[in-house]
């Protein structure tokens, strides 16, 4: 066989062999990425009323702190944290703002109380203005959460003892601060 014959046979064999199949599709894959940072939002105070108004603090017949002091709880709505979080409550006792001198014997210018923030953790965060150390003021939860926080006041007591009367003042003021924070 001549060289031309081999070439012709090779060409005929190539033409007779089935063509290798070409794919009419091809796939490319792309990752879609993003992140959600640890966020906390304290929400808004329901009704926008951020004042615990206790009214007249004393029994006007004795001058002693009223034993029935109470104020409706305040609710913070729309609170959330996207990760593990802590709630902390901090408070300052109510003190006379205009009468700033040392009160005379038998009188006080301070009303202590306990502030509690509940609903975020199983155990409410509490702060007692009459004590130096408030171990229950910060509570933690291990999961992301959204929900309402109820803030309430209780256990009102005259600074220095229940036998003391409060000095006259038209402006006794205390503060409660509730803080949500993403935990590390």
N, C-alpha and C. Protein backbone atom coordinates (compact mmCIF):
# COMPACT_ATOMS: atom_id res chain seq x y z
N UNK A 1 0.84 -1.16 0.00
CA UNK A 1 0.00 0.00 0.00
C UNK A 1 0.88 1.22 0.00
N UNK A 2 0.39 2.10 -0.72
CA UNK A 2 1.16 3.32 -0.86
C UNK A 2 0.80 4.28 0.26
N UNK A 3 1.60 5.24 0.32
CA UNK A 3 1.40 6.26 1.33
C UNK A 3 0.05 6.94 1.14
N UNK A 4 -0.34 7.15 -0.05
CA UNK A 4 -1.62 7.79 -0.35
C UNK A 4 -2.77 6.89 0.07
N UNK A 5 -2.58 5.57 -0.08
CA UNK A 5 -3.63 4.63 0.32
C UNK A 5 -3.82 4.67 1.83
N UNK A 6 -2.71 4.67 2.57
CA UNK A 6 -2.81 4.76 4.03
C UNK A 6 -3.51 6.05 4.46
N UNK A 7 -3.18 7.08 3.78
CA UNK A 7 -3.79 8.36 4.09
C UNK A 7 -5.28 8.33 3.79
N UNK A 8 -5.67 7.75 2.73
CA UNK A 8 -7.08 7.65 2.36
C UNK A 8 -7.82 6.75 3.33
N UNK A 9 -7.19 5.63 3.69
CA UNK A 9 -7.83 4.74 4.66
C UNK A 9 -7.96 5.43 6.01
N UNK A 10 -6.95 6.15 6.44
CA UNK A 10 -7.00 6.88 7.71
C UNK A 10 -8.08 7.94 7.70
N UNK A 11 -8.22 8.63 6.57
CA UNK A 11 -9.23 9.66 6.44
C UNK A 11 -10.62 9.04 6.44
N UNK A 12 -10.77 7.92 5.77
CA UNK A 12 -12.06 7.23 5.75
C UNK A 12 -12.42 6.73 7.13
N UNK A 13 -11.45 6.21 7.87
CA UNK A 13 -11.72 5.71 9.21
C UNK A 13 -12.10 6.87 10.14
N UNK A 14 -11.45 7.97 9.98
CA UNK A 14 -11.77 9.13 10.81
C UNK A 14 -13.16 9.64 10.53
N UNK A 15 -13.54 9.62 9.25
CA UNK A 15 -14.88 10.09 8.91
C UNK A 15 -15.95 9.09 9.35
N UNK A 16 -15.62 7.81 9.35
CA UNK A 16 -16.58 6.79 9.73
C UNK A 16 -16.76 6.70 11.25
N UNK A 17 -15.77 7.11 12.02
CA UNK A 17 -15.87 7.04 13.49
C UNK A 17 -16.88 8.06 13.99
N UNK A 18 -17.63 7.70 15.02
CA UNK A 18 -18.59 8.67 15.54
C UNK A 18 -17.87 9.89 16.11
N UNK A 19 -18.44 11.04 15.93
CA UNK A 19 -17.84 12.27 16.43
C UNK A 19 -17.96 12.28 17.96
N UNK A 20 -16.91 12.78 18.61
CA UNK A 20 -17.01 12.89 20.06
C UNK A 20 -18.05 13.95 20.40
N UNK A 21 -18.90 13.65 21.39
CA UNK A 21 -20.02 14.53 21.73
C UNK A 21 -19.51 15.79 22.41
N UNK A 22 -19.96 16.91 21.94
CA UNK A 22 -19.67 18.19 22.54
C UNK A 22 -20.85 18.54 23.44
N UNK A 23 -20.61 19.03 24.67
CA UNK A 23 -21.70 19.42 25.57
C UNK A 23 -22.28 20.74 25.09
N UNK A 24 -23.61 20.86 25.15
CA UNK A 24 -24.21 22.13 24.78
C UNK A 24 -24.50 22.99 26.00
N UNK A 25 -24.05 22.52 27.22
CA UNK A 25 -24.17 23.33 28.45
C UNK A 25 -22.86 23.26 29.22
N UNK A 26 -22.65 24.27 30.01
CA UNK A 26 -21.50 24.30 30.89
C UNK A 26 -21.95 25.02 32.15
N UNK A 27 -21.43 24.67 33.28
CA UNK A 27 -21.86 25.24 34.55
C UNK A 27 -20.70 25.94 35.23
N UNK A 28 -20.98 27.11 35.75
CA UNK A 28 -20.04 27.82 36.60
C UNK A 28 -20.75 28.10 37.91
N UNK A 29 -20.05 27.96 38.98
CA UNK A 29 -20.66 28.14 40.30
C UNK A 29 -20.04 29.37 40.96
N UNK A 30 -20.90 30.18 41.62
CA UNK A 30 -20.44 31.38 42.31
C UNK A 30 -20.89 31.32 43.76
N UNK A 31 -20.05 31.71 44.67
CA UNK A 31 -20.42 31.81 46.07
C UNK A 31 -21.11 33.15 46.29
N UNK A 32 -22.12 33.14 47.12
CA UNK A 32 -22.80 34.37 47.52
C UNK A 32 -22.54 34.52 49.00
N UNK A 33 -21.87 35.58 49.41
CA UNK A 33 -21.46 35.72 50.80
C UNK A 33 -21.96 37.03 51.37
N UNK A 34 -22.00 37.11 52.67
CA UNK A 34 -22.37 38.32 53.40
C UNK A 34 -22.14 38.06 54.87
N UNK A 35 -22.53 38.98 55.71
CA UNK A 35 -22.39 38.79 57.15
C UNK A 35 -23.42 39.62 57.88
N UNK A 36 -23.69 39.23 59.09
CA UNK A 36 -24.58 39.98 59.98
C UNK A 36 -23.78 40.28 61.23
N UNK A 37 -23.51 41.54 61.50
CA UNK A 37 -22.74 41.86 62.70
C UNK A 37 -23.60 41.67 63.95
N UNK A 38 -22.96 41.57 65.07
CA UNK A 38 -23.66 41.51 66.34
C UNK A 38 -24.28 42.89 66.58
N UNK A 39 -25.60 42.93 66.64
CA UNK A 39 -26.32 44.19 66.82
C UNK A 39 -27.29 44.07 67.98
N UNK A 40 -27.51 45.16 68.66
CA UNK A 40 -28.56 45.24 69.67
C UNK A 40 -29.28 46.56 69.49
N UNK A 41 -30.60 46.51 69.67
CA UNK A 41 -31.41 47.73 69.64
C UNK A 41 -32.29 47.72 70.88
N UNK A 42 -32.26 48.81 71.60
CA UNK A 42 -33.04 48.90 72.83
C UNK A 42 -34.53 49.06 72.60
N UNK A 43 -34.96 49.32 71.38
CA UNK A 43 -36.38 49.48 71.12
C UNK A 43 -36.88 50.85 71.51
N UNK A 44 -38.20 50.96 71.68
CA UNK A 44 -38.81 52.23 72.06
C UNK A 44 -39.72 52.02 73.26
N UNK A 45 -39.85 53.04 74.05
CA UNK A 45 -40.71 52.97 75.22
C UNK A 45 -42.15 53.08 74.76
N UNK A 46 -42.94 52.09 75.12
CA UNK A 46 -44.34 52.03 74.72
C UNK A 46 -45.06 53.29 75.20
N UNK A 47 -45.71 53.98 74.28
CA UNK A 47 -46.42 55.20 74.63
C UNK A 47 -45.50 56.40 74.78
N UNK A 48 -44.21 56.23 74.59
CA UNK A 48 -43.21 57.32 74.68
C UNK A 48 -43.21 58.02 76.04
N UNK A 49 -43.74 57.36 77.08
CA UNK A 49 -43.77 57.95 78.41
C UNK A 49 -42.65 57.35 79.24
N UNK A 50 -41.56 58.07 79.36
CA UNK A 50 -40.37 57.56 80.04
C UNK A 50 -40.26 58.07 81.47
N UNK A 51 -41.37 58.43 82.10
CA UNK A 51 -41.31 58.96 83.46
C UNK A 51 -42.15 58.10 84.40
N UNK A 52 -41.53 57.67 85.48
CA UNK A 52 -42.25 57.03 86.58
C UNK A 52 -42.66 58.16 87.52
N UNK A 53 -43.89 58.59 87.46
CA UNK A 53 -44.35 59.69 88.31
C UNK A 53 -45.01 59.12 89.56
N UNK A 54 -44.35 59.27 90.70
CA UNK A 54 -44.85 58.72 91.96
C UNK A 54 -45.74 59.70 92.71
N UNK A 55 -45.82 60.92 92.24
CA UNK A 55 -46.65 61.90 92.92
C UNK A 55 -46.08 62.30 94.27
N UNK A 56 -46.95 62.54 95.23
CA UNK A 56 -46.53 62.92 96.59
C UNK A 56 -45.90 61.70 97.25
N UNK A 57 -44.67 61.85 97.69
CA UNK A 57 -43.90 60.73 98.22
C UNK A 57 -44.22 60.39 99.67
N UNK A 58 -44.75 61.34 100.42
CA UNK A 58 -44.95 61.13 101.86
C UNK A 58 -46.42 61.08 102.23
N UNK A 59 -46.65 60.44 103.34
CA UNK A 59 -47.97 60.48 103.97
C UNK A 59 -48.07 61.88 104.60
N UNK A 60 -48.97 62.70 104.15
CA UNK A 60 -49.03 64.10 104.60
C UNK A 60 -49.44 64.23 106.07
N UNK A 61 -49.93 63.18 106.68
CA UNK A 61 -50.28 63.27 108.11
C UNK A 61 -49.08 62.93 109.00
N UNK A 62 -48.09 62.17 108.48
CA UNK A 62 -46.94 61.79 109.30
C UNK A 62 -45.62 62.36 108.78
N UNK A 63 -45.55 62.71 107.50
CA UNK A 63 -44.31 63.18 106.90
C UNK A 63 -43.36 62.05 106.54
N UNK A 64 -43.78 60.80 106.81
CA UNK A 64 -42.96 59.64 106.49
C UNK A 64 -43.27 59.15 105.07
N UNK A 65 -42.32 58.46 104.48
CA UNK A 65 -42.49 57.91 103.13
C UNK A 65 -43.75 57.05 103.08
N UNK A 66 -44.55 57.25 102.03
CA UNK A 66 -45.76 56.45 101.86
C UNK A 66 -45.38 54.98 101.70
N UNK A 67 -46.15 54.10 102.31
CA UNK A 67 -45.89 52.66 102.20
C UNK A 67 -46.56 52.06 100.97
N UNK A 68 -47.41 52.84 100.30
CA UNK A 68 -48.13 52.34 99.13
C UNK A 68 -47.61 52.92 97.82
N UNK A 69 -46.38 53.42 97.82
CA UNK A 69 -45.84 54.00 96.58
C UNK A 69 -45.80 52.95 95.48
N UNK A 70 -46.28 53.33 94.32
CA UNK A 70 -46.26 52.43 93.16
C UNK A 70 -46.40 53.26 91.90
N UNK A 71 -45.91 52.72 90.83
CA UNK A 71 -46.06 53.35 89.52
C UNK A 71 -46.24 52.22 88.51
N UNK A 72 -47.06 52.44 87.49
CA UNK A 72 -47.21 51.40 86.46
C UNK A 72 -45.87 51.09 85.79
N UNK A 73 -45.69 49.81 85.46
CA UNK A 73 -44.49 49.40 84.75
C UNK A 73 -44.41 50.11 83.40
N UNK A 74 -43.21 50.23 82.89
CA UNK A 74 -42.95 50.77 81.56
C UNK A 74 -42.50 49.60 80.68
N UNK A 75 -42.93 49.60 79.42
CA UNK A 75 -42.58 48.52 78.50
C UNK A 75 -41.76 49.09 77.35
N UNK A 76 -40.62 48.45 77.10
CA UNK A 76 -39.78 48.79 75.95
C UNK A 76 -40.10 47.76 74.87
N UNK A 77 -40.61 48.22 73.73
CA UNK A 77 -40.99 47.30 72.65
C UNK A 77 -39.98 47.38 71.51
N UNK A 78 -39.92 46.30 70.73
CA UNK A 78 -39.05 46.27 69.55
C UNK A 78 -37.58 46.06 69.86
N UNK A 79 -37.27 45.58 71.05
CA UNK A 79 -35.87 45.32 71.40
C UNK A 79 -35.38 44.06 70.71
N UNK A 80 -34.10 44.05 70.29
CA UNK A 80 -33.53 42.83 69.73
C UNK A 80 -32.02 42.84 69.84
N UNK A 81 -31.44 41.65 69.84
CA UNK A 81 -30.00 41.45 69.70
C UNK A 81 -29.82 40.27 68.75
N UNK A 82 -28.90 40.39 67.80
CA UNK A 82 -28.69 39.36 66.78
C UNK A 82 -27.73 38.27 67.25
N UNK A 83 -27.26 38.35 68.47
CA UNK A 83 -26.31 37.37 69.00
C UNK A 83 -26.49 37.25 70.51
N UNK A 84 -25.61 36.51 71.11
CA UNK A 84 -25.56 36.40 72.57
C UNK A 84 -25.53 37.82 73.12
N UNK A 85 -26.22 38.07 74.24
CA UNK A 85 -26.32 39.45 74.73
C UNK A 85 -26.41 39.52 76.24
N UNK A 86 -26.25 40.74 76.73
CA UNK A 86 -26.46 41.02 78.15
C UNK A 86 -27.43 42.18 78.28
N UNK A 87 -28.19 42.14 79.35
CA UNK A 87 -29.04 43.26 79.72
C UNK A 87 -28.53 43.75 81.07
N UNK A 88 -28.42 45.05 81.21
CA UNK A 88 -27.95 45.64 82.46
C UNK A 88 -28.92 46.73 82.86
N UNK A 89 -29.28 46.74 84.14
CA UNK A 89 -30.09 47.83 84.68
C UNK A 89 -29.22 48.56 85.70
N UNK A 90 -29.28 49.88 85.65
CA UNK A 90 -28.53 50.74 86.57
C UNK A 90 -29.52 51.80 87.06
N UNK A 91 -29.36 52.26 88.27
CA UNK A 91 -30.30 53.25 88.80
C UNK A 91 -29.61 54.16 89.81
N UNK A 92 -30.14 55.35 89.92
CA UNK A 92 -29.74 56.30 90.95
C UNK A 92 -30.95 56.57 91.82
N UNK A 93 -30.75 56.59 93.12
CA UNK A 93 -31.84 56.86 94.07
C UNK A 93 -32.46 58.22 93.78
N UNK A 94 -33.71 58.38 94.18
CA UNK A 94 -34.36 59.69 94.07
C UNK A 94 -33.78 60.59 95.16
N UNK A 95 -33.33 61.76 94.75
CA UNK A 95 -32.80 62.71 95.74
C UNK A 95 -33.43 64.08 95.51
N UNK A 96 -33.52 64.83 96.58
CA UNK A 96 -34.04 66.19 96.51
C UNK A 96 -33.08 67.02 95.65
N UNK A 97 -33.61 67.71 94.65
CA UNK A 97 -32.78 68.46 93.72
C UNK A 97 -32.56 69.91 94.16
N UNK A 98 -33.51 70.47 94.88
CA UNK A 98 -33.39 71.86 95.33
C UNK A 98 -32.78 71.97 96.72
N UNK A 99 -33.11 71.01 97.60
CA UNK A 99 -32.55 70.98 98.94
C UNK A 99 -31.29 70.12 98.86
N UNK A 100 -30.15 70.77 98.70
CA UNK A 100 -28.90 70.05 98.48
C UNK A 100 -28.00 70.00 99.72
N UNK A 101 -28.39 70.70 100.78
CA UNK A 101 -27.58 70.70 102.00
C UNK A 101 -27.79 69.39 102.76
N UNK A 102 -26.95 69.17 103.74
CA UNK A 102 -27.14 68.01 104.61
C UNK A 102 -28.46 68.21 105.36
N UNK A 103 -29.34 67.20 105.33
CA UNK A 103 -30.62 67.38 106.01
C UNK A 103 -30.45 67.42 107.53
N UNK A 104 -31.34 68.13 108.22
CA UNK A 104 -31.25 68.19 109.68
C UNK A 104 -31.55 66.82 110.30
N UNK A 105 -31.23 66.68 111.57
CA UNK A 105 -31.47 65.41 112.29
C UNK A 105 -32.94 65.01 112.14
N UNK A 106 -33.17 63.73 111.88
CA UNK A 106 -34.53 63.21 111.74
C UNK A 106 -35.06 63.28 110.32
N UNK A 107 -34.27 63.81 109.39
CA UNK A 107 -34.71 63.96 108.01
C UNK A 107 -33.73 63.32 107.03
N UNK A 108 -34.24 63.05 105.83
CA UNK A 108 -33.44 62.50 104.73
C UNK A 108 -33.82 63.23 103.46
N UNK A 109 -32.96 63.19 102.49
CA UNK A 109 -33.27 63.76 101.17
C UNK A 109 -33.15 62.71 100.07
N UNK A 110 -33.27 61.41 100.48
CA UNK A 110 -33.08 60.29 99.54
C UNK A 110 -34.18 59.26 99.67
N UNK A 111 -34.66 58.79 98.52
CA UNK A 111 -35.59 57.66 98.47
C UNK A 111 -34.94 56.58 97.62
N UNK A 112 -34.67 55.43 98.24
CA UNK A 112 -34.09 54.29 97.53
C UNK A 112 -35.21 53.44 96.94
N UNK A 113 -34.87 52.63 95.95
CA UNK A 113 -35.84 51.72 95.33
C UNK A 113 -35.09 50.61 94.60
N UNK A 114 -35.82 49.60 94.18
CA UNK A 114 -35.28 48.52 93.35
C UNK A 114 -35.88 48.68 91.96
N UNK A 115 -35.01 48.71 90.95
CA UNK A 115 -35.43 48.75 89.55
C UNK A 115 -35.20 47.36 88.96
N UNK A 116 -36.18 46.86 88.21
CA UNK A 116 -36.07 45.54 87.59
C UNK A 116 -36.42 45.64 86.11
N UNK A 117 -35.63 44.93 85.29
CA UNK A 117 -35.90 44.82 83.85
C UNK A 117 -36.11 43.34 83.56
N UNK A 118 -37.33 42.99 83.17
CA UNK A 118 -37.66 41.58 82.95
C UNK A 118 -38.14 41.34 81.53
N UNK A 119 -38.09 40.07 81.13
CA UNK A 119 -38.54 39.67 79.81
C UNK A 119 -37.42 39.32 78.86
N UNK A 120 -36.22 39.80 79.13
CA UNK A 120 -35.09 39.52 78.25
C UNK A 120 -34.41 38.22 78.64
N UNK A 121 -34.25 38.02 79.92
CA UNK A 121 -33.63 36.81 80.45
C UNK A 121 -34.59 36.14 81.42
N UNK A 122 -34.31 34.89 81.75
CA UNK A 122 -35.20 34.18 82.67
C UNK A 122 -35.25 34.85 84.04
N UNK A 123 -34.12 35.37 84.48
CA UNK A 123 -34.04 36.08 85.75
C UNK A 123 -33.97 37.57 85.44
N UNK A 124 -34.87 38.38 85.98
CA UNK A 124 -34.81 39.82 85.70
C UNK A 124 -33.49 40.43 86.18
N UNK A 125 -33.03 41.42 85.47
CA UNK A 125 -31.88 42.21 85.91
C UNK A 125 -32.42 43.21 86.95
N UNK A 126 -31.80 43.27 88.13
CA UNK A 126 -32.30 44.16 89.18
C UNK A 126 -31.17 45.01 89.75
N UNK A 127 -31.54 46.21 90.15
CA UNK A 127 -30.59 47.13 90.76
C UNK A 127 -31.26 47.77 91.97
N UNK A 128 -30.62 47.63 93.14
CA UNK A 128 -31.12 48.20 94.39
C UNK A 128 -30.27 49.42 94.72
N UNK A 129 -30.88 50.60 94.73
CA UNK A 129 -30.11 51.83 94.95
C UNK A 129 -29.59 51.95 96.37
N UNK A 130 -30.04 51.10 97.28
CA UNK A 130 -29.60 51.21 98.68
C UNK A 130 -28.36 50.37 98.98
N UNK A 131 -27.87 49.59 98.01
CA UNK A 131 -26.70 48.75 98.27
C UNK A 131 -25.55 49.14 97.33
N UNK A 132 -24.34 48.82 97.77
CA UNK A 132 -23.15 49.20 97.00
C UNK A 132 -22.87 48.24 95.86
N UNK A 133 -23.20 46.97 96.02
CA UNK A 133 -22.90 45.95 95.01
C UNK A 133 -24.21 45.33 94.53
N UNK A 134 -24.41 45.36 93.22
CA UNK A 134 -25.63 44.82 92.62
C UNK A 134 -25.27 43.70 91.65
N UNK A 135 -25.05 42.51 92.19
CA UNK A 135 -24.61 41.38 91.36
C UNK A 135 -25.68 40.94 90.36
N UNK A 136 -26.94 41.22 90.62
CA UNK A 136 -28.01 40.82 89.70
C UNK A 136 -28.33 41.86 88.65
N UNK A 137 -27.55 42.94 88.59
CA UNK A 137 -27.87 44.03 87.66
C UNK A 137 -27.61 43.66 86.21
N UNK A 138 -26.73 42.70 85.96
CA UNK A 138 -26.42 42.27 84.59
C UNK A 138 -26.79 40.80 84.45
N UNK A 139 -27.58 40.51 83.42
CA UNK A 139 -27.98 39.14 83.11
C UNK A 139 -27.64 38.86 81.65
N UNK A 140 -27.31 37.60 81.34
CA UNK A 140 -26.93 37.23 79.98
C UNK A 140 -27.86 36.18 79.40
N UNK A 141 -27.99 36.22 78.08
CA UNK A 141 -28.69 35.15 77.35
C UNK A 141 -27.76 34.68 76.24
N UNK A 142 -27.82 33.39 75.92
CA UNK A 142 -26.87 32.80 74.99
C UNK A 142 -27.33 32.80 73.54
N UNK A 143 -28.52 33.27 73.26
CA UNK A 143 -29.05 33.23 71.90
C UNK A 143 -29.52 34.61 71.46
N UNK A 144 -29.65 34.77 70.15
CA UNK A 144 -30.26 35.99 69.62
C UNK A 144 -31.69 36.04 70.14
N UNK A 145 -32.25 37.25 70.25
CA UNK A 145 -33.59 37.36 70.82
C UNK A 145 -34.23 38.67 70.40
N UNK A 146 -35.53 38.64 70.31
CA UNK A 146 -36.32 39.85 70.15
C UNK A 146 -37.51 39.75 71.08
N UNK A 147 -37.85 40.82 71.74
CA UNK A 147 -38.97 40.79 72.66
C UNK A 147 -39.09 42.08 73.44
N UNK A 148 -40.14 42.14 74.23
CA UNK A 148 -40.39 43.31 75.07
C UNK A 148 -39.61 43.20 76.38
N UNK A 149 -39.27 44.34 76.91
CA UNK A 149 -38.62 44.43 78.22
C UNK A 149 -39.54 45.26 79.11
N UNK A 150 -39.89 44.71 80.25
CA UNK A 150 -40.74 45.42 81.20
C UNK A 150 -39.87 45.96 82.32
N UNK A 151 -39.99 47.26 82.58
CA UNK A 151 -39.20 47.91 83.62
C UNK A 151 -40.15 48.33 84.74
N UNK A 152 -39.81 47.93 85.96
CA UNK A 152 -40.66 48.27 87.10
C UNK A 152 -39.85 48.71 88.28
N UNK A 153 -40.52 49.41 89.20
CA UNK A 153 -39.90 49.90 90.44
C UNK A 153 -40.63 49.30 91.62
N UNK A 154 -39.88 49.03 92.70
CA UNK A 154 -40.49 48.48 93.92
C UNK A 154 -39.60 48.79 95.12
N UNK A 155 -40.05 48.35 96.28
CA UNK A 155 -39.27 48.41 97.52
C UNK A 155 -38.73 49.81 97.84
N UNK A 156 -39.61 50.79 97.83
CA UNK A 156 -39.21 52.16 98.14
C UNK A 156 -38.88 52.27 99.62
N UNK A 157 -37.79 52.97 99.94
CA UNK A 157 -37.36 53.14 101.33
C UNK A 157 -36.64 54.46 101.49
N UNK A 158 -36.84 55.07 102.63
CA UNK A 158 -36.16 56.33 102.94
C UNK A 158 -34.69 56.05 103.21
N UNK A 159 -33.80 56.79 102.51
CA UNK A 159 -32.37 56.66 102.76
C UNK A 159 -32.05 57.04 104.19
N UNK A 160 -31.37 56.16 104.90
CA UNK A 160 -31.01 56.42 106.30
C UNK A 160 -31.95 55.75 107.28
N UNK A 161 -33.09 55.23 106.81
CA UNK A 161 -34.00 54.50 107.70
C UNK A 161 -35.44 54.99 107.62
N UNK A 162 -36.35 54.09 107.86
CA UNK A 162 -37.78 54.37 107.74
C UNK A 162 -38.31 55.37 108.77
N UNK A 163 -37.57 55.61 109.85
CA UNK A 163 -38.02 56.55 110.87
C UNK A 163 -37.73 58.01 110.48
N UNK A 164 -36.98 58.20 109.39
CA UNK A 164 -36.65 59.56 108.95
C UNK A 164 -37.76 60.11 108.05
N UNK A 165 -37.98 61.41 108.16
CA UNK A 165 -38.92 62.10 107.27
C UNK A 165 -38.13 62.71 106.11
N UNK A 166 -38.82 62.90 104.99
CA UNK A 166 -38.16 63.51 103.84
C UNK A 166 -38.27 65.03 103.93
N UNK A 167 -37.18 65.74 103.56
CA UNK A 167 -37.22 67.20 103.52
C UNK A 167 -38.13 67.63 102.38
N UNK A 168 -38.77 68.77 102.55
CA UNK A 168 -39.65 69.30 101.50
C UNK A 168 -38.82 69.69 100.28
N UNK A 169 -39.27 69.26 99.11
CA UNK A 169 -38.62 69.60 97.86
C UNK A 169 -39.61 69.28 96.75
N UNK A 170 -39.78 70.19 95.82
CA UNK A 170 -40.73 69.96 94.74
C UNK A 170 -40.17 69.09 93.62
N UNK A 171 -38.89 68.70 93.77
CA UNK A 171 -38.28 67.94 92.69
C UNK A 171 -37.33 66.87 93.23
N UNK A 172 -37.88 65.70 93.55
CA UNK A 172 -37.07 64.53 93.85
C UNK A 172 -36.86 63.81 92.52
N UNK A 173 -35.63 63.47 92.22
CA UNK A 173 -35.33 62.88 90.92
C UNK A 173 -34.41 61.67 91.07
N UNK A 174 -34.77 60.61 90.39
CA UNK A 174 -33.94 59.41 90.29
C UNK A 174 -33.89 59.00 88.82
N UNK A 175 -33.06 58.04 88.49
CA UNK A 175 -32.92 57.62 87.09
C UNK A 175 -32.77 56.10 87.04
N UNK A 176 -33.36 55.50 86.00
CA UNK A 176 -33.16 54.09 85.70
C UNK A 176 -32.66 54.01 84.26
N UNK A 177 -31.59 53.25 84.05
CA UNK A 177 -31.02 53.07 82.71
C UNK A 177 -30.99 51.57 82.41
N UNK A 178 -31.56 51.18 81.27
CA UNK A 178 -31.53 49.78 80.81
C UNK A 178 -30.65 49.74 79.57
N UNK A 179 -29.68 48.83 79.56
CA UNK A 179 -28.74 48.72 78.45
C UNK A 179 -28.72 47.30 77.91
N UNK A 180 -28.84 47.15 76.60
CA UNK A 180 -28.65 45.87 75.91
C UNK A 180 -27.32 45.94 75.19
N UNK A 181 -26.56 44.84 75.26
CA UNK A 181 -25.26 44.83 74.58
C UNK A 181 -24.97 43.44 74.03
N UNK A 182 -24.44 43.40 72.83
CA UNK A 182 -23.98 42.15 72.26
C UNK A 182 -22.80 41.66 73.08
N UNK A 183 -22.81 40.39 73.42
CA UNK A 183 -21.73 39.83 74.24
C UNK A 183 -20.64 39.28 73.33
N UNK A 184 -19.41 39.33 73.79
CA UNK A 184 -18.27 38.80 73.01
C UNK A 184 -18.32 37.30 72.98
